[in-house]
Amino acid sequence: EEEEEEEEEEEEEEEEEEEEEEEEEEEEKEDDMLM
């Protein structure tokens, strides 16, 4: 049971990282539009 909990935590962390990357990409697109 303990192992499953650890796996879930790791997955959540990965999802958060992906969201941050997407946000950064969107910001870059906005910067390009302004240039």
Protein backbone atom coordinates (compact mmCIF):
# COMPACT_ATOMS: atom_id res chain seq x y z
CA GLU A 1 0.00 0.00 0.00
CA GLU A 2 2.80 2.41 0.87
CA GLU A 3 4.40 1.97 -2.55
CA GLU A 4 1.17 2.94 -4.33
CA GLU A 5 0.99 6.19 -2.37
CA GLU A 6 4.54 7.09 -3.37
CA GLU A 7 3.77 6.47 -7.04
CA GLU A 8 0.72 8.72 -6.88
CA GLU A 9 2.78 11.52 -5.35
CA GLU A 10 5.37 11.23 -8.11
CA GLU A 11 2.68 11.39 -10.79
CA GLU A 12 1.22 14.53 -9.24
CA GLU A 13 4.64 16.20 -9.22
CA GLU A 14 5.15 15.32 -12.89
CA GLU A 15 1.77 16.81 -13.80
CA GLU A 16 2.64 20.04 -11.98
CA GLU A 17 5.92 20.30 -13.88
CA GLU A 18 4.13 19.80 -17.20
CA GLU A 19 1.65 22.56 -16.35
CA GLU A 20 4.50 24.95 -15.53
CA GLU A 21 6.18 24.19 -18.86
CA GLU A 22 2.95 24.86 -20.75
CA GLU A 23 2.55 28.21 -18.97
CA GLU A 24 6.10 29.19 -19.90
CA GLU A 25 5.46 28.31 -23.55
CA GLU A 26 2.32 30.47 -23.58
CA GLU A 27 4.27 33.39 -22.13
CA GLU A 28 6.92 33.01 -24.83
CA LYS A 29 4.22 33.10 -27.53
CA GLU A 30 2.84 36.33 -26.05
CA ASP A 31 6.34 37.84 -26.02
CA ASP A 32 6.77 36.94 -29.70
CA MET A 33 3.49 38.65 -30.56
CA LEU A 34 4.62 41.87 -28.88
CA MET A 35 7.93 41.99 -30.72
